[in-house]
Protein backbone atom coordinates (compact mmCIF):
# COMPACT_ATOMS: atom_id res chain seq x y z
CA MET A 1 115.10 104.26 130.74
CA GLY A 2 116.52 103.43 134.19
CA ARG A 3 114.95 106.57 135.63
CA ARG A 4 111.56 105.72 134.12
CA LYS A 5 111.74 102.11 135.38
CA LYS A 6 112.52 103.31 138.88
CA MET A 7 109.54 105.67 138.70
CA VAL A 8 107.23 102.80 137.62
CA GLU A 9 108.41 100.74 140.61
CA ARG A 10 107.60 103.61 142.99
CA VAL A 11 104.22 104.17 141.27
CA THR A 12 103.20 100.48 141.57
CA THR A 13 104.17 100.41 145.25
CA LEU A 14 102.11 103.52 146.09
CA MET A 15 99.07 102.33 144.08
CA ASN A 16 98.11 100.09 146.98
CA GLU A 17 97.94 102.93 149.50
CA PRO A 18 94.78 105.00 148.76
CA THR A 19 95.62 107.64 151.37
CA LYS A 20 98.84 108.36 149.45
CA ILE A 21 97.06 108.86 146.06
CA ARG A 22 95.82 112.10 144.48
CA ASN A 23 93.91 112.00 141.17
CA ILE A 24 93.99 115.50 139.71
CA GLY A 25 93.17 117.34 136.48
CA ILE A 26 94.73 120.58 135.27
CA VAL A 27 92.06 122.83 133.73
CA ALA A 28 92.05 126.34 132.26
CA HIS A 29 91.17 128.63 129.37
CA ILE A 30 93.30 128.16 126.24
CA ASP A 31 96.92 129.44 126.48
CA HIS A 32 96.80 130.08 130.22
CA GLY A 33 99.69 127.64 130.72
CA LYS A 34 98.32 124.18 131.65
CA THR A 35 100.73 122.05 129.59
CA THR A 36 103.73 124.21 130.56
CA LEU A 37 102.69 123.72 134.21
CA SER A 38 102.38 119.93 133.68
CA ASP A 39 105.89 119.93 132.19
CA ASN A 40 107.32 121.56 135.29
CA LEU A 41 105.55 119.11 137.58
CA LEU A 42 107.04 116.22 135.57
CA GLY A 43 110.47 117.88 135.62
CA GLY A 44 110.24 118.23 139.40
CA ALA A 45 109.29 114.56 139.71
CA GLY A 46 112.38 113.60 137.69
CA MET A 47 110.48 112.26 134.67
CA ILE A 48 111.83 114.77 132.18
CA SER A 49 114.86 117.03 132.20
CA LYS A 50 114.41 120.11 134.41
CA GLU A 51 116.20 122.21 131.79
CA LEU A 52 113.63 121.27 129.14
CA ALA A 53 110.60 121.51 131.46
CA GLY A 54 108.24 124.23 130.31
CA ARG A 55 109.48 124.07 126.72
CA GLN A 56 109.36 120.35 125.93
CA LEU A 57 105.54 120.18 126.33
CA PHE A 58 105.84 116.45 127.08
CA MET A 59 102.07 115.97 127.42
CA ASP A 60 101.40 117.36 123.92
CA SER A 61 102.77 114.22 122.28
CA ASP A 62 100.63 114.29 119.11
CA GLU A 63 102.30 115.97 116.11
CA GLU A 64 99.10 117.98 115.48
CA GLU A 65 99.34 119.38 119.04
CA GLN A 66 102.99 120.30 118.57
CA GLU A 67 102.29 121.94 115.21
CA ARG A 68 99.36 124.02 116.45
CA GLY A 69 100.81 124.71 119.92
CA ILE A 70 97.61 123.70 121.70
CA THR A 71 96.44 120.66 123.65
CA ILE A 72 93.86 118.59 121.73
CA ASP A 73 93.65 115.37 123.77
CA ALA A 74 93.59 114.95 127.53
CA SER A 75 96.86 113.19 128.52
CA ASN A 76 97.40 111.06 131.63
CA VAL A 77 100.61 110.64 133.59
CA SER A 78 101.46 109.05 136.95
CA MET A 79 104.34 110.42 139.04
CA VAL A 80 105.65 110.51 142.59
CA HIS A 81 106.10 113.58 144.81
CA THR A 82 107.65 113.71 148.27
CA PHE A 83 105.81 115.83 150.88
CA ASP A 84 106.85 115.93 154.55
CA ASP A 85 109.30 113.05 153.91
CA GLU A 86 106.55 110.78 152.57
CA ASP A 87 106.03 109.68 148.97
CA TYR A 88 102.67 110.35 147.27
CA LEU A 89 101.34 109.11 143.93
CA ILE A 90 99.95 111.84 141.67
CA ASN A 91 97.78 110.67 138.76
CA LEU A 92 97.59 113.80 136.63
CA ILE A 93 95.44 114.57 133.57
CA ASP A 94 96.40 117.57 131.41
CA THR A 95 93.24 118.74 129.62
CA PRO A 96 92.65 120.91 126.52
CA GLY A 97 91.68 124.58 126.94
CA HIS A 98 90.19 125.20 123.50
CA VAL A 99 86.40 125.23 123.55
CA ASP A 100 86.23 122.78 120.60
CA PHE A 101 87.81 120.07 122.76
CA GLY A 102 85.78 120.73 125.91
CA GLY A 103 84.40 117.16 125.77
CA ASP A 104 87.82 115.90 126.90
CA VAL A 105 87.59 118.10 130.01
CA THR A 106 84.12 116.74 130.88
CA ARG A 107 85.35 113.15 130.57
CA ALA A 108 88.55 113.83 132.53
CA MET A 109 86.55 115.32 135.42
CA ARG A 110 84.82 111.95 135.95
CA ALA A 111 88.21 110.28 136.52
CA VAL A 112 89.70 112.77 139.03
CA ASP A 113 88.91 114.00 142.56
CA GLY A 114 90.60 117.40 142.47
CA ALA A 115 91.43 120.09 139.90
CA VAL A 116 94.17 122.69 139.62
CA VAL A 117 92.46 125.66 137.95
CA VAL A 118 95.07 127.72 136.09
CA VAL A 119 94.32 131.43 135.47
CA ASP A 120 96.52 133.93 133.58
CA ALA A 121 97.33 136.82 135.97
CA VAL A 122 97.07 139.33 133.11
CA GLU A 123 93.91 138.09 131.38
CA GLY A 124 92.09 136.94 134.53
CA THR A 125 89.19 134.48 134.39
CA MET A 126 87.93 133.87 130.84
CA PRO A 127 84.82 132.11 129.39
CA GLN A 128 86.48 128.70 129.28
CA THR A 129 87.71 129.11 132.90
CA GLU A 130 84.06 129.42 133.85
CA THR A 131 83.07 126.36 131.79
CA VAL A 132 85.78 124.06 133.18
CA LEU A 133 85.06 125.19 136.75
CA ARG A 134 81.36 124.40 136.24
CA GLN A 135 82.26 120.95 134.87
CA ALA A 136 84.52 120.27 137.88
CA LEU A 137 81.89 121.32 140.45
CA ARG A 138 79.16 119.32 138.72
CA GLU A 139 81.31 116.18 138.98
CA HIS A 140 82.04 116.95 142.65
CA VAL A 141 85.72 117.67 141.92
CA ARG A 142 87.36 120.03 144.41
CA PRO A 143 89.36 123.00 142.97
CA VAL A 144 92.56 124.76 144.00
CA LEU A 145 93.90 127.79 142.12
CA PHE A 146 97.22 128.50 140.40
CA VAL A 147 97.62 132.07 139.13
CA ASN A 148 100.15 131.84 136.30
CA LYS A 149 102.26 134.41 134.39
CA VAL A 150 102.77 136.71 137.40
CA ASP A 151 106.06 137.80 135.77
CA ARG A 152 104.05 139.36 132.92
CA LEU A 153 102.22 141.63 135.38
CA ILE A 154 105.55 143.00 136.58
CA ASN A 155 107.62 143.09 133.39
CA GLU A 156 104.99 143.79 130.73
CA LEU A 157 102.31 145.78 132.55
CA LYS A 158 104.92 147.45 134.80
CA VAL A 159 102.71 147.33 137.91
CA ASP A 160 104.27 148.05 141.31
CA SER A 161 104.33 145.59 144.22
CA GLN A 162 101.12 146.96 145.76
CA GLU A 163 99.17 146.97 142.48
CA MET A 164 100.36 143.41 141.78
CA GLN A 165 98.84 142.14 145.02
CA VAL A 166 95.57 144.00 144.36
CA ARG A 167 95.27 142.45 140.88
CA LEU A 168 96.01 138.94 142.17
CA GLY A 169 93.39 139.47 144.88
CA LYS A 170 90.83 140.37 142.21
CA VAL A 171 91.54 137.14 140.30
CA ILE A 172 90.94 135.10 143.50
CA ASP A 173 87.73 137.05 144.27
CA HIS A 174 86.40 136.41 140.76
CA VAL A 175 87.09 132.67 140.94
CA ASN A 176 85.31 132.54 144.32
CA LYS A 177 82.38 134.47 142.89
CA LEU A 178 82.08 131.84 140.14
CA ILE A 179 82.19 128.99 142.69
CA LYS A 180 79.57 130.72 144.84
CA ASN A 181 77.20 131.29 141.90
CA MET A 182 77.61 127.78 140.51
CA SER A 183 77.40 125.86 143.76
CA PRO A 184 76.42 127.87 146.87
CA GLU A 185 76.35 124.72 149.06
CA LYS A 186 79.93 123.74 148.11
CA TYR A 187 81.07 127.33 148.65
CA LYS A 188 79.57 127.25 152.17
CA ALA A 189 81.17 123.84 152.76
CA GLY A 190 84.61 125.44 152.39
CA TRP A 191 85.34 124.89 148.69
CA ARG A 192 86.29 128.54 148.17
CA VAL A 193 89.93 129.21 147.27
CA ASP A 194 91.86 131.23 149.84
CA ALA A 195 95.46 132.45 149.59
CA ALA A 196 95.82 132.73 153.38
CA ALA A 197 94.68 129.12 153.87
CA GLY A 198 97.09 127.92 151.18
CA THR A 199 94.66 126.85 148.42
CA VAL A 200 96.09 129.43 145.99
CA ALA A 201 99.59 129.49 144.47
CA PHE A 202 101.12 132.23 142.29
CA GLY A 203 103.96 131.85 139.84
CA SER A 204 105.31 131.46 136.33
CA ALA A 205 105.14 128.04 134.70
CA LEU A 206 107.50 129.19 131.94
CA TYR A 207 110.22 130.22 134.41
CA ASN A 208 109.57 127.34 136.80
CA TRP A 209 108.82 129.21 140.05
CA ALA A 210 105.77 129.47 142.31
CA ILE A 211 104.89 130.89 145.68
CA SER A 212 102.07 130.29 148.16
CA VAL A 213 101.54 131.31 151.79
CA PRO A 214 102.84 127.93 153.16
CA MET A 215 105.78 128.19 150.72
CA MET A 216 106.60 131.72 151.97
CA LYS A 217 106.77 130.40 155.53
CA LYS A 218 108.98 127.53 154.40
CA THR A 219 111.43 129.55 152.25
CA GLY A 220 111.23 133.04 153.77
CA VAL A 221 110.60 134.53 150.30
CA SER A 222 107.91 137.26 150.40
CA PHE A 223 105.81 138.93 147.68
CA ASN A 224 108.17 141.89 147.71
CA ASP A 225 111.13 139.55 147.10
CA VAL A 226 109.25 137.96 144.17
CA TYR A 227 108.66 141.45 142.76
CA ASP A 228 112.36 142.33 143.08
CA TYR A 229 113.54 139.09 141.44
CA CYS A 230 111.14 139.52 138.51
CA LYS A 231 112.07 143.20 138.09
CA ALA A 232 115.75 142.21 137.99
CA GLY A 233 114.95 139.42 135.51
CA ASP A 234 116.56 136.86 137.86
CA MET A 235 114.04 134.06 137.40
CA LYS A 236 116.68 131.36 137.88
CA SER A 237 117.35 132.26 141.54
CA LEU A 238 113.62 132.45 142.18
CA ALA A 239 113.12 129.00 140.63
CA GLU A 240 115.89 127.57 142.84
CA LYS A 241 114.40 129.04 146.02
CA CYS A 242 110.71 128.42 145.19
CA PRO A 243 110.47 125.52 142.70
CA LEU A 244 107.08 125.41 141.03
CA HIS A 245 106.52 121.67 141.41
CA GLU A 246 107.03 121.92 145.16
CA ALA A 247 104.54 124.77 145.71
CA VAL A 248 101.82 123.28 143.47
CA LEU A 249 102.11 119.61 144.44
CA ASP A 250 102.39 120.40 148.17
CA MET A 251 99.11 122.33 147.76
CA VAL A 252 97.56 119.39 145.87
CA ILE A 253 98.55 116.83 148.53
CA HIS A 254 97.57 119.02 151.45
CA PHE A 255 94.19 120.28 150.21
CA LEU A 256 92.82 117.92 147.56
CA PRO A 257 91.16 114.69 148.72
CA ASN A 258 92.55 111.17 148.41
CA PRO A 259 90.26 108.49 146.84
CA LEU A 260 89.03 107.29 150.26
CA GLU A 261 87.81 110.78 151.21
CA ALA A 262 86.55 111.68 147.73
CA GLN A 263 84.63 108.50 146.86
CA LYS A 264 82.46 108.68 149.99
CA ASN A 265 80.87 111.83 148.55
CA ARG A 266 81.42 111.40 144.80
CA VAL A 267 79.85 107.95 144.39
CA LYS A 268 76.46 109.38 145.48
CA VAL A 269 76.67 111.97 142.70
CA ILE A 270 77.76 109.71 139.83
CA TRP A 271 76.05 106.43 140.74
CA HIS A 272 72.36 106.08 141.61
CA GLY A 273 72.34 102.45 142.72
CA ASP A 274 71.67 101.18 146.26
CA GLU A 275 74.30 102.77 148.53
CA SER A 276 73.76 100.12 151.22
CA SER A 277 74.50 97.24 148.76
CA GLU A 278 77.87 95.47 148.87
CA ILE A 279 79.09 97.21 145.68
CA GLY A 280 77.80 100.59 146.98
CA LYS A 281 79.81 100.23 150.19
CA SER A 282 82.82 98.88 148.31
CA MET A 283 82.90 101.96 146.02
CA ALA A 284 82.38 104.43 148.89
CA ASN A 285 85.39 102.88 150.68
CA ALA A 286 87.56 102.33 147.57
CA ASN A 287 87.80 98.66 148.56
CA SER A 288 90.40 96.94 146.35
CA ASP A 289 89.16 93.47 147.44
CA GLY A 290 85.52 94.12 146.46
CA GLU A 291 83.74 93.50 143.14
CA LEU A 292 85.21 95.47 140.21
CA ALA A 293 83.56 98.83 139.32
CA PHE A 294 85.35 100.79 136.58
CA MET A 295 84.08 103.81 134.62
CA VAL A 296 85.49 104.29 131.11
CA THR A 297 86.30 107.98 130.45
CA ASP A 298 88.43 107.68 127.31
CA ILE A 299 88.99 105.30 124.39
CA SER A 300 92.21 105.57 122.40
CA ILE A 301 93.90 103.39 119.79
CA ASP A 302 97.27 101.73 120.32
CA PRO A 303 98.69 100.60 116.94
CA HIS A 304 99.91 97.32 118.54
CA ALA A 305 97.36 96.54 121.29
CA GLY A 306 94.19 97.94 119.69
CA GLU A 307 91.60 99.83 121.74
CA VAL A 308 92.74 101.13 125.13
CA ALA A 309 89.98 101.99 127.62
CA THR A 310 91.17 104.51 130.23
CA GLY A 311 89.09 105.41 133.26
CA ARG A 312 88.65 105.48 137.00
CA LEU A 313 88.61 102.35 139.11
CA PHE A 314 86.18 102.89 142.01
CA SER A 315 86.17 99.36 143.48
CA GLY A 316 88.02 96.05 143.14
CA SER A 317 91.33 95.44 141.33
CA PHE A 318 92.20 94.98 137.67
CA THR A 319 94.41 92.02 136.75
CA ARG A 320 95.34 90.60 133.36
CA GLY A 321 93.06 87.76 132.18
CA MET A 322 90.10 88.52 134.45
CA GLU A 323 86.61 88.30 132.94
CA VAL A 324 84.30 91.31 133.19
CA TYR A 325 80.86 92.54 132.13
CA THR A 326 80.45 95.81 130.19
CA SER A 327 77.19 97.74 130.66
CA GLY A 328 74.79 97.20 127.77
CA THR A 329 76.22 93.80 126.83
CA VAL A 330 75.41 90.29 128.03
CA LYS A 331 78.64 88.39 127.34
CA LYS A 332 81.77 88.62 129.46
CA THR A 333 85.03 89.89 127.95
CA ARG A 334 88.57 89.07 129.00
CA VAL A 335 90.99 91.81 130.07
CA GLN A 336 94.22 91.50 128.07
CA GLN A 337 96.56 94.10 129.57
CA VAL A 338 96.40 96.52 132.49
CA GLY A 339 98.67 99.52 132.73
CA VAL A 340 99.23 103.17 133.59
CA PHE A 341 100.01 106.08 131.27
CA MET A 342 103.26 107.97 131.36
CA GLY A 343 102.31 110.71 128.89
CA PRO A 344 102.39 109.09 125.42
CA GLU A 345 103.65 105.75 126.76
CA ARG A 346 101.46 103.07 128.34
CA LEU A 347 103.36 100.90 130.78
CA GLU A 348 102.02 97.50 131.80
CA VAL A 349 101.65 96.52 135.45
CA ASP A 350 100.39 93.27 137.03
CA LYS A 351 97.57 94.75 139.08
CA ILE A 352 95.78 98.07 139.58
CA PRO A 353 93.73 98.50 142.80
CA ALA A 354 90.70 100.79 143.44
CA GLY A 355 91.26 104.54 143.62
CA ASN A 356 93.57 104.67 140.60
CA ILE A 357 93.30 105.71 136.94
CA ALA A 358 93.81 102.58 134.83
CA ALA A 359 94.41 101.88 131.12
CA VAL A 360 93.02 98.52 130.00
CA THR A 361 92.95 96.60 126.70
CA GLY A 362 90.56 93.83 125.66
CA LEU A 363 87.30 95.66 126.43
CA LYS A 364 86.07 95.65 122.82
CA GLU A 365 82.44 96.43 123.71
CA ALA A 366 83.28 99.43 125.91
CA ILE A 367 82.50 103.00 124.88
CA VAL A 368 83.07 106.26 126.77
CA GLY A 369 80.71 106.18 129.76
CA SER A 370 80.58 102.37 129.98
CA THR A 371 80.52 100.68 133.37
CA VAL A 372 82.87 97.67 133.57
CA THR A 373 82.28 95.26 136.45
CA THR A 374 82.57 91.66 137.65
CA LEU A 375 79.06 91.91 139.13
CA GLU A 376 76.30 90.80 136.79
CA GLY A 377 73.39 93.29 136.62
CA MET A 378 75.19 96.13 138.46
CA ALA A 379 73.45 99.52 138.14
CA PRO A 380 75.63 101.52 135.72
CA PHE A 381 77.28 104.86 136.52
CA GLU A 382 75.50 108.06 135.49
CA SER A 383 76.28 108.80 131.85
CA ILE A 384 78.77 111.61 131.17
CA ARG A 385 76.88 114.74 130.12
CA HIS A 386 78.75 116.99 127.70
CA VAL A 387 78.09 120.68 128.20
CA SER A 388 78.15 121.66 124.52
CA GLU A 389 76.34 120.24 121.52
CA PRO A 390 77.76 119.94 117.98
CA VAL A 391 77.36 123.22 116.09
CA VAL A 392 79.27 122.75 112.83
CA THR A 393 78.75 120.02 110.21
CA VAL A 394 80.80 118.88 107.21
CA ALA A 395 80.05 116.22 104.61
CA VAL A 396 82.79 113.58 104.29
CA GLU A 397 83.46 111.36 101.26
CA ALA A 398 86.23 108.91 100.41
CA LYS A 399 88.49 110.25 97.65
CA HIS A 400 88.73 106.78 96.10
CA THR A 401 85.65 104.56 95.81
CA LYS A 402 87.64 101.51 96.95
CA ASP A 403 88.13 103.19 100.35
CA LEU A 404 84.40 103.54 101.05
CA PRO A 405 84.02 100.37 103.22
CA LYS A 406 87.16 101.38 105.12
CA LEU A 407 85.83 104.94 105.62
CA ILE A 408 82.60 103.62 107.19
CA GLU A 409 84.62 101.53 109.67
CA VAL A 410 86.99 104.45 110.39
CA LEU A 411 84.08 106.84 111.09
CA ARG A 412 82.58 104.31 113.49
CA GLN A 413 85.94 104.10 115.29
CA VAL A 414 86.41 107.89 115.37
CA ALA A 415 82.93 108.36 116.89
CA LYS A 416 83.83 105.79 119.56
CA GLU A 417 87.04 107.64 120.43
CA ASP A 418 85.32 111.05 120.53
CA PRO A 419 81.70 110.99 121.78
CA THR A 420 81.24 114.74 121.11
CA LEU A 421 81.28 113.89 117.41
CA GLN A 422 77.97 113.00 115.74
CA ILE A 423 78.03 110.99 112.53
CA THR A 424 74.90 110.60 110.40
CA LEU A 425 74.20 109.38 106.89
CA ASP A 426 72.37 111.80 104.59
CA GLU A 427 69.97 109.37 102.92
CA GLU A 428 69.27 111.73 100.02
CA THR A 429 72.90 112.32 98.97
CA GLY A 430 74.55 109.24 100.49
CA GLU A 431 77.17 111.47 102.19
CA HIS A 432 78.36 110.94 105.73
CA LEU A 433 77.78 114.05 107.83
CA LEU A 434 80.28 114.81 110.56
CA ALA A 435 79.01 117.23 113.26
CA GLY A 436 81.47 118.63 115.78
CA MET A 437 82.12 121.42 118.28
CA GLY A 438 83.68 123.79 115.77
CA GLU A 439 85.78 124.11 112.62
CA LEU A 440 89.04 123.31 114.41
CA HIS A 441 87.53 120.16 115.93
CA LEU A 442 86.43 118.87 112.51
CA GLU A 443 89.72 119.90 110.88
CA VAL A 444 91.69 117.88 113.42
CA ILE A 445 89.41 114.84 113.01
CA ALA A 446 89.68 114.98 109.19
CA HIS A 447 93.47 115.25 109.39
CA ARG A 448 93.68 112.27 111.77
CA ILE A 449 91.48 110.13 109.50
CA GLU A 450 94.00 110.69 106.70
CA ARG A 451 97.14 110.47 108.87
CA ASP A 452 96.32 107.66 111.30
CA LYS A 453 93.74 105.63 109.39
CA ASN A 454 95.27 106.07 105.90
CA VAL A 455 91.98 106.97 104.22
CA GLU A 456 92.08 109.93 101.86
CA ILE A 457 88.91 112.00 102.17
CA THR A 458 87.31 115.14 100.80
CA THR A 459 85.25 117.39 103.07
CA SER A 460 82.65 119.99 102.16
CA LYS A 461 82.65 123.56 103.46
CA PRO A 462 81.40 123.72 107.07
CA ILE A 463 77.69 124.29 107.62
CA VAL A 464 76.64 125.95 110.87
CA VAL A 465 73.74 124.23 112.64
CA TYR A 466 71.03 126.64 113.69
CA ARG A 467 67.90 126.09 115.74
CA GLU A 468 64.32 127.23 115.28
CA THR A 469 61.84 127.27 118.10
CA ILE A 470 58.30 128.34 118.85
CA LYS A 471 57.60 131.63 120.60
CA LYS A 472 54.05 131.11 121.90
CA LYS A 473 51.53 128.37 122.64
CA ILE A 474 49.94 127.07 119.44
CA GLU A 475 46.57 125.51 118.71
CA PRO A 476 46.38 121.73 119.09
CA VAL A 477 47.71 119.61 116.25
CA GLU A 478 45.49 116.65 115.47
CA GLY A 479 46.93 113.21 114.81
CA LYS A 480 44.89 110.16 113.78
CA SER A 481 45.70 106.49 114.12
CA PRO A 482 45.78 104.46 110.85
CA ASN A 483 42.28 103.06 111.49
CA ARG A 484 41.04 106.64 112.20
CA HIS A 485 39.36 105.47 115.42
CA ASN A 486 41.81 107.23 117.71
CA ARG A 487 42.72 110.89 117.66
CA PHE A 488 45.50 112.66 119.51
CA TYR A 489 45.59 116.37 120.17
CA VAL A 490 49.04 117.80 120.82
CA TYR A 491 49.66 121.32 122.16
CA VAL A 492 53.11 122.89 121.67
CA GLU A 493 54.38 125.70 123.88
CA PRO A 494 57.75 127.17 124.92
CA LEU A 495 59.35 125.69 128.01
CA ASP A 496 60.43 127.99 130.84
CA LEU A 497 64.17 128.75 130.52
CA LYS A 498 64.82 127.75 134.16
CA ILE A 499 63.48 124.26 133.37
CA VAL A 500 65.51 124.09 130.13
CA ASP A 501 68.68 124.90 132.13
CA ALA A 502 67.81 122.29 134.76
CA ILE A 503 67.42 119.64 132.02
CA LYS A 504 70.74 120.66 130.41
CA GLU A 505 72.51 120.57 133.78
CA GLY A 506 71.10 117.07 134.36
CA ASP A 507 69.14 118.17 137.46
CA VAL A 508 65.91 116.93 135.84
CA ASN A 509 65.87 113.63 133.93
CA MET A 510 63.79 110.50 133.40
CA ASN A 511 66.20 108.33 135.43
CA MET A 512 65.50 110.09 138.73
CA PRO A 513 62.66 108.97 141.07
CA GLU A 514 59.31 110.34 139.88
CA LEU A 515 58.47 112.14 143.13
CA GLU A 516 61.88 113.82 143.23
CA ARG A 517 61.52 114.95 139.59
CA ARG A 518 57.98 116.24 140.19
CA GLN A 519 59.09 118.21 143.26
CA LYS A 520 62.03 119.75 141.40
CA LEU A 521 59.80 120.87 138.50
CA ILE A 522 57.18 122.36 140.86
CA GLU A 523 60.02 124.32 142.57
CA LEU A 524 61.02 125.62 139.13
CA GLY A 525 57.51 126.93 138.53
CA MET A 526 55.74 124.11 136.66
CA GLY A 527 52.11 123.33 137.54
CA LYS A 528 51.52 120.26 139.72
CA GLU A 529 49.39 118.41 137.12
CA GLU A 530 51.92 118.99 134.34
CA ALA A 531 54.85 117.94 136.53
CA LYS A 532 52.94 114.78 137.40
CA GLY A 533 52.20 113.97 133.74
CA ILE A 534 55.73 114.02 132.29
CA VAL A 535 56.31 110.90 130.22
CA GLY A 536 59.38 111.82 128.17
CA ILE A 537 62.40 114.15 128.09
CA PHE A 538 64.48 114.47 124.93
CA ASN A 539 67.37 116.98 124.65
CA SER A 540 65.79 120.06 126.26
CA ASN A 541 62.17 119.21 125.35
CA ILE A 542 59.55 117.48 127.49
CA TYR A 543 56.40 115.55 126.62
CA VAL A 544 53.49 115.79 129.04
CA ASP A 545 50.41 113.58 129.21
CA VAL A 546 47.48 115.65 130.53
CA THR A 547 44.76 113.17 129.52
CA LYS A 548 42.47 111.66 132.12
CA GLY A 549 41.09 108.12 132.17
CA ILE A 550 41.91 107.22 128.55
CA GLN A 551 41.87 103.44 128.16
CA TYR A 552 44.84 101.62 126.58
CA LEU A 553 46.83 104.88 126.19
CA ASN A 554 49.83 103.38 127.99
CA GLU A 555 50.01 100.63 125.34
CA THR A 556 50.70 103.18 122.61
CA MET A 557 52.85 105.52 124.71
CA GLU A 558 56.13 104.01 123.48
CA LEU A 559 55.18 104.75 119.86
CA ILE A 560 53.99 108.25 120.77
CA LEU A 561 57.36 108.98 122.44
CA ASP A 562 59.22 107.62 119.37
CA GLY A 563 57.27 110.12 117.26
CA PHE A 564 58.02 112.92 119.74
CA GLU A 565 61.78 112.22 119.61
CA GLU A 566 61.75 112.01 115.81
CA VAL A 567 60.03 115.40 115.49
CA MET A 568 62.35 117.02 118.08
CA ARG A 569 65.39 115.67 116.25
CA ALA A 570 64.23 116.97 112.86
CA GLY A 571 63.05 120.38 114.16
CA PRO A 572 60.16 122.49 112.83
């Protein structure tokens, strides 16, 4: 424990120096080596044994993760790395790669400023690589690239030194192509990954070695040497000369932004309040003496301390006992404990300043996406938009009738911990319906309800959710008010796919200024009158008012929109 205690002391000292902090996430397609990479970074920082690094999978602390061999929950850890004789604090989040747990990646991206994108050298970029990269760019998180499993290219595919470099070049080109297509302005602003510049590293997380252009200059080891070592099977010598943690973390510190640099640009993207206000300036400058502004990105349960809200602190400092407001509630709540995560362990500290990832207890009203602040009436952060929607549903029942009240409470808690889960009550059958991202997602949730919450349940076979839609404009549907004096005529027609995508991406919403929204829709091909008349957006559907001079219509508009949402929810 002495080693861990020493690490905590170093972490708490560096917390107060924003220029020495890097908040990063590790993202990739499933089985491309994220958790093995995290292990090696922790081994290099002296937090776990170097011999076990890569095989211990320290960040996969849940028994379900160990059993299945995949990451299910995003895990946080804080560690210290020395670069150019100076210590730096790395707050790292290891994220899941399986598509069913993509919600964790979306939430993690709100807490970090940079991302290490891991790609398997043999498989290349895969569908989930594309998804996680899109999530990172949307949250204004800067990427660097780590091409993993280079040893497999040499020893399994038997490529020669020249062919190896060509293949690695293709992986880099494809990642850059994705960045360019997803965000041309960021690509032009220099967010492309470039091996010559040093924003790409190559290596093997399993065998603990990595190389990059700056590392080659430092160690004198070239690509040809790497090829020879791998061919000879001498990974140990390679790991001693080019340790993985050094190549990757040097790249992170050199090229990914610290909170002071990142928040100047990121706050504009994730917060739409007044930038010239005191809290706006305080967040842009990561001011630890300003009012508190904290965004909750994860809720977990500690068996002893209760709910733990983890998230990013953009302004102010967290201390035990302080009173805070949570968005959507009126009363203040008192913070009980503040701490940092060391993988599965949460270690208490006295104070956490702005720019860090904090774990706090006592915020009973908080949910994922909540804004926690000391400033009454602060404009909340933009809500976290999950890329995917639930596609598979199961019915859940308590095995024993006596457990029914407990099951209802447990489902409420589970939905709070995992916002990608939708829980509804089927009024006809009285069953609770659990909708998730896929069969594996629901299987894991069901297992945890039984294991962690001690409620035995039975689940039905999964039902796949499918969607119906209209294909052409249909004649107006007439609706009458109860007194039959008022009649509404509603036309239904398909929405242009470009506009649907813009709504899903969050580029068009009801929270943005009306003129800005109208302009965006006109650019996407919508008529000026229609763009002007939008009164509601729900999921990827819009409601447009094209009436002229109708008296008292605005008084009933709220009820009309309620009806619109109800119909859109139920489907045709």
